[in-house]
């Protein structure tokens, strides 16, 4: 599943953060962080790939 990756950029100095915070730590300006979209990134990549072969399904009576 693709997930949109976002970042927060200070409008005064251009510093970039992964999470929103009230104050930019580089220029100390308050409420200047704006959300931007960086693009789509594949999440849950570990779930892709070969998972083996499927076995024949048995009913409980056969077991």
C-alpha atoms as a PDB file:
ATOM      1  CA  UNK A   1       0.000   0.000   0.000  1.00  0.00           C
ATOM      2  CA  UNK A   2       1.325   3.417  -0.881  1.00  0.00           C
ATOM      3  CA  UNK A   3       1.391   6.117   1.746  1.00  0.00           C
ATOM      4  CA  UNK A   4       1.962   9.811   1.191  1.00  0.00           C
ATOM      5  CA  UNK A   5       5.072  11.032   2.953  1.00  0.00           C
ATOM      6  CA  UNK A   6       4.836  14.455   4.543  1.00  0.00           C
ATOM      7  CA  UNK A   7       7.264  16.899   6.100  1.00  0.00           C
ATOM      8  CA  UNK A   8       6.980  20.218   7.875  1.00  0.00           C
ATOM      9  CA  UNK A   9       9.058  23.144   6.615  1.00  0.00           C
ATOM     10  CA  UNK A  10       9.709  26.450   8.362  1.00  0.00           C
ATOM     11  CA  UNK A  11       8.482  29.326   6.197  1.00  0.00           C
ATOM     12  CA  UNK A  12      11.147  31.661   7.633  1.00  0.00           C
ATOM     13  CA  UNK A  13      14.387  29.655   7.413  1.00  0.00           C
ATOM     14  CA  UNK A  14      13.494  26.494   5.426  1.00  0.00           C
ATOM     15  CA  UNK A  15      14.347  23.951   8.126  1.00  0.00           C
ATOM     16  CA  UNK A  16      12.586  20.619   7.646  1.00  0.00           C
ATOM     17  CA  UNK A  17      11.027  18.402  10.333  1.00  0.00           C
ATOM     18  CA  UNK A  18       9.291  15.017  10.261  1.00  0.00           C
ATOM     19  CA  UNK A  19       6.662  16.029  12.844  1.00  0.00           C
ATOM     20  CA  UNK A  20       4.842  19.275  13.476  1.00  0.00           C
ATOM     21  CA  UNK A  21       5.989  21.365  16.412  1.00  0.00           C
ATOM     22  CA  UNK A  22       5.026  24.845  17.466  1.00  0.00           C
ATOM     23  CA  UNK A  23       8.454  26.446  17.165  1.00  0.00           C
ATOM     24  CA  UNK A  24      11.291  26.092  14.673  1.00  0.00           C
ATOM     25  CA  UNK A  25      14.417  25.072  16.581  1.00  0.00           C
ATOM     26  CA  UNK A  26      16.770  26.726  14.092  1.00  0.00           C
ATOM     27  CA  UNK A  27      15.349  30.271  13.885  1.00  0.00           C
ATOM     28  CA  UNK A  28      13.104  30.137  17.011  1.00  0.00           C
ATOM     29  CA  UNK A  29      10.077  31.428  15.063  1.00  0.00           C
ATOM     30  CA  UNK A  30       6.654  30.348  16.325  1.00  0.00           C
ATOM     31  CA  UNK A  31       3.879  28.875  14.119  1.00  0.00           C
ATOM     32  CA  UNK A  32       5.881  29.031  10.883  1.00  0.00           C
ATOM     33  CA  UNK A  33       5.917  25.288  10.080  1.00  0.00           C
ATOM     34  CA  UNK A  34       3.808  24.343   7.065  1.00  0.00           C
ATOM     35  CA  UNK A  35       3.009  20.815   5.925  1.00  0.00           C
ATOM     36  CA  UNK A  36       4.287  19.714   2.509  1.00  0.00           C
ATOM     37  CA  UNK A  37       3.812  16.439   0.654  1.00  0.00           C
ATOM     38  CA  UNK A  38       7.039  14.739  -0.437  1.00  0.00           C
ATOM     39  CA  UNK A  39       5.461  12.037  -2.610  1.00  0.00           C
ATOM     40  CA  UNK A  40       4.291   8.465  -2.350  1.00  0.00           C
ATOM     41  CA  UNK A  41       6.412   5.923  -0.504  1.00  0.00           C
ATOM     42  CA  UNK A  42       5.786   2.185  -0.306  1.00  0.00           C
ATOM     43  CA  UNK A  43       4.967   1.160   3.231  1.00  0.00           C
ATOM     44  CA  UNK A  44       4.963  -2.355   4.627  1.00  0.00           C
ATOM     45  CA  UNK A  45       7.650  -3.414   2.185  1.00  0.00           C
ATOM     46  CA  UNK A  46       8.565  -6.397   4.362  1.00  0.00           C
ATOM     47  CA  UNK A  47       5.252  -8.012   3.389  1.00  0.00           C
ATOM     48  CA  UNK A  48       6.181  -8.305  -0.273  1.00  0.00           C
ATOM     49  CA  UNK A  49       7.882 -11.253  -1.897  1.00  0.00           C
ATOM     50  CA  UNK A  50       7.751 -15.030  -1.939  1.00  0.00           C
ATOM     51  CA  UNK A  51       5.631 -16.543   0.823  1.00  0.00           C
ATOM     52  CA  UNK A  52       6.012 -20.224  -0.046  1.00  0.00           C
ATOM     53  CA  UNK A  53       3.580 -22.689  -1.529  1.00  0.00           C
ATOM     54  CA  UNK A  54      -0.011 -23.314  -0.533  1.00  0.00           C
ATOM     55  CA  UNK A  55      -0.897 -26.645   1.010  1.00  0.00           C
ATOM     56  CA  UNK A  56      -4.116 -28.478   0.198  1.00  0.00           C
ATOM     57  CA  UNK A  57      -6.946 -27.498   2.537  1.00  0.00           C
ATOM     58  CA  UNK A  58      -8.397 -30.274   4.699  1.00  0.00           C
ATOM     59  CA  UNK A  59     -11.713 -30.341   6.508  1.00  0.00           C
ATOM     60  CA  UNK A  60     -11.811 -31.101  10.222  1.00  0.00           C
ATOM     61  CA  UNK A  61     -13.329 -34.494   9.494  1.00  0.00           C
ATOM     62  CA  UNK A  62     -10.275 -35.479   7.426  1.00  0.00           C
ATOM     63  CA  UNK A  63      -7.830 -34.658  10.210  1.00  0.00           C
END
